[in-house]
């Protein structure tokens, strides 16, 4: 099976609440492989490009205001079906609908402050990774446990 990559953001609320390590640990325990990570502040230009599909919607200004309000942690994770694995680990967008054991189900309290973002498709992941990372910032490395978690 071919490895897939996906973008994950620990949003400002997750950073402010000290949940970066918790998010990273859950994705590592899931068997995903970290290939890029950085702490950054998203400016309005990057926020507009990242949330372009929501321009004109009533919640768009608040979305941009929130994501630019404090640092985020941007990460790229790799593995078979990485997009689907990350999304199931995060839980539903609405924390009230998220299953216990998911990041949002255990840690988040509202749709507006739901700790994490993850790409919603492999095609979108490719676009989002390109927004947040230069190719040279992604590190390909061999994992000693890949045989068990990543299928070899």
Protein backbone atom coordinates (compact mmCIF):
# COMPACT_ATOMS: atom_id res chain seq x y z
CA UNK A 1 0.00 0.00 0.00
CA UNK A 2 1.30 3.45 -0.93
CA UNK A 3 1.84 6.01 1.80
CA UNK A 4 -0.32 9.11 1.71
CA UNK A 5 0.39 12.47 3.32
CA UNK A 6 -1.99 14.84 5.11
CA UNK A 7 -1.86 18.20 6.84
CA UNK A 8 -2.82 18.54 10.50
CA UNK A 9 -3.05 21.84 12.35
CA UNK A 10 -3.23 22.14 16.11
CA UNK A 11 -5.39 25.26 16.13
CA UNK A 12 -4.90 28.26 18.43
CA UNK A 13 -7.15 26.79 21.13
CA UNK A 14 -5.16 23.55 21.18
CA UNK A 15 -1.86 25.42 21.42
CA UNK A 16 -3.19 27.76 24.13
CA UNK A 17 -4.53 24.81 26.14
CA UNK A 18 -1.21 22.94 25.97
CA UNK A 19 -2.54 20.06 23.86
CA UNK A 20 0.17 19.88 21.18
CA UNK A 21 1.83 16.83 22.75
CA UNK A 22 -1.51 15.09 23.23
CA UNK A 23 -2.39 15.50 19.54
CA UNK A 24 1.07 14.36 18.41
CA UNK A 25 0.98 11.36 20.77
CA UNK A 26 -2.42 10.20 19.52
CA UNK A 27 -1.31 10.37 15.88
CA UNK A 28 1.96 8.58 16.67
CA UNK A 29 0.11 5.86 18.58
CA UNK A 30 -2.20 5.47 15.61
CA UNK A 31 0.89 4.44 13.64
CA UNK A 32 1.27 7.52 11.47
CA UNK A 33 4.72 8.85 10.55
CA UNK A 34 5.58 12.53 11.21
CA UNK A 35 7.46 14.14 8.29
CA UNK A 36 7.02 17.87 9.01
CA UNK A 37 6.29 20.06 12.03
CA UNK A 38 6.48 23.78 12.82
CA UNK A 39 5.07 26.37 15.19
CA UNK A 40 3.80 29.40 13.29
CA UNK A 41 1.39 32.30 13.24
CA UNK A 42 -0.98 32.22 10.27
CA UNK A 43 -1.34 35.64 8.66
CA UNK A 44 -4.54 36.83 6.96
CA UNK A 45 -3.19 36.04 3.47
CA UNK A 46 -2.46 32.40 4.34
CA UNK A 47 -5.78 32.11 6.18
CA UNK A 48 -7.62 33.43 3.11
CA UNK A 49 -5.88 30.89 0.85
CA UNK A 50 -6.45 28.03 3.32
CA UNK A 51 -10.15 28.84 3.81
CA UNK A 52 -10.85 30.06 0.24
CA UNK A 53 -13.79 27.66 -0.14
CA UNK A 54 -15.58 29.44 2.72
CA UNK A 55 -15.26 33.02 1.42
CA UNK A 56 -18.67 34.69 1.52
CA UNK A 57 -20.13 32.36 4.13
CA UNK A 58 -21.40 34.00 7.32
CA UNK A 59 -18.83 32.26 9.53
CA UNK A 60 -15.81 33.13 7.33
CA UNK A 61 -14.71 36.35 9.14
CA UNK A 62 -14.79 34.60 12.52
CA UNK A 63 -12.89 31.62 11.10
CA UNK A 64 -10.09 33.87 9.83
CA UNK A 65 -10.05 35.91 13.06
CA UNK A 66 -9.72 32.71 15.12
CA UNK A 67 -7.02 30.96 13.07
CA UNK A 68 -4.88 34.13 13.02
CA UNK A 69 -5.37 34.90 16.73
CA UNK A 70 -2.48 32.87 18.15
CA UNK A 71 0.17 30.35 17.06
CA UNK A 72 -0.72 27.03 15.47
CA UNK A 73 1.33 23.88 15.02
CA UNK A 74 1.40 22.74 11.41
CA UNK A 75 2.29 19.10 10.77
CA UNK A 76 2.49 16.66 7.90
CA UNK A 77 1.74 13.02 8.68
CA UNK A 78 2.33 10.06 6.40
CA UNK A 79 0.98 6.53 6.19
CA UNK A 80 -1.44 4.30 4.31
CA UNK A 81 -4.81 6.10 4.17
CA UNK A 82 -3.35 8.91 6.29
CA UNK A 83 -6.24 11.29 5.52
CA UNK A 84 -8.89 8.84 6.70
CA UNK A 85 -6.85 7.75 9.73
CA UNK A 86 -6.29 11.33 10.87
CA UNK A 87 -9.94 12.25 10.35
CA UNK A 88 -11.18 9.28 12.37
CA UNK A 89 -8.64 10.07 15.12
CA UNK A 90 -9.80 13.71 15.23
CA UNK A 91 -13.51 12.90 15.40
CA UNK A 92 -16.44 14.83 13.97
CA UNK A 93 -16.14 18.58 13.40
CA UNK A 94 -18.79 19.12 16.06
CA UNK A 95 -17.30 17.85 19.32
CA UNK A 96 -20.78 17.00 20.61
CA UNK A 97 -21.07 14.47 17.78
CA UNK A 98 -17.53 13.11 18.23
CA UNK A 99 -17.05 9.69 19.74
CA UNK A 100 -15.24 9.32 23.05
CA UNK A 101 -11.63 8.39 22.37
CA UNK A 102 -11.27 10.89 19.53
CA UNK A 103 -9.33 14.13 19.95
CA UNK A 104 -12.43 16.29 19.62
CA UNK A 105 -14.64 13.90 21.56
CA UNK A 106 -12.27 13.93 24.52
CA UNK A 107 -10.88 17.47 24.43
CA UNK A 108 -12.99 19.95 22.45
CA UNK A 109 -16.15 21.78 23.48
CA UNK A 110 -17.42 23.68 20.43
CA UNK A 111 -17.33 23.66 16.64
CA UNK A 112 -15.55 27.02 16.68
CA UNK A 113 -12.77 25.80 18.97
CA UNK A 114 -12.33 22.14 18.10
CA UNK A 115 -8.55 21.76 18.64
CA UNK A 116 -7.44 20.40 15.25
CA UNK A 117 -7.78 20.66 11.49
CA UNK A 118 -7.07 17.80 9.11
CA UNK A 119 -7.25 17.69 5.33
CA UNK A 120 -10.51 16.21 4.07
CA UNK A 121 -9.18 14.38 1.00
CA UNK A 122 -5.84 13.35 -0.51
CA UNK A 123 -6.20 16.03 -3.20
CA UNK A 124 -6.93 18.73 -0.61
CA UNK A 125 -4.04 17.45 1.54
CA UNK A 126 -1.63 18.05 -1.33
CA UNK A 127 -2.88 21.63 -1.71
CA UNK A 128 -2.83 22.34 2.03
CA UNK A 129 0.64 20.86 2.53
CA UNK A 130 1.86 23.18 -0.24
CA UNK A 131 0.35 26.18 1.56
CA UNK A 132 2.09 25.47 4.85
CA UNK A 133 5.37 23.73 3.89
CA UNK A 134 8.12 24.03 1.33
CA UNK A 135 9.22 20.64 -0.02
CA UNK A 136 12.61 21.04 1.68
CA UNK A 137 10.88 21.29 5.08
CA UNK A 138 9.50 17.74 4.79
CA UNK A 139 11.79 14.97 5.95
CA UNK A 140 11.58 11.48 4.51
CA UNK A 141 12.99 9.02 7.00
CA UNK A 142 12.76 5.34 7.69
CA UNK A 143 10.91 4.13 10.77
CA UNK A 144 12.17 1.03 12.52
CA UNK A 145 8.56 0.06 13.31
CA UNK A 146 7.17 0.71 9.81
CA UNK A 147 6.98 -3.01 9.13
CA UNK A 148 4.30 -3.32 11.81
CA UNK A 149 2.43 -0.02 11.53
CA UNK A 150 2.82 1.10 7.96
CA UNK A 151 2.73 -2.25 6.24
CA UNK A 152 6.46 -2.44 5.54
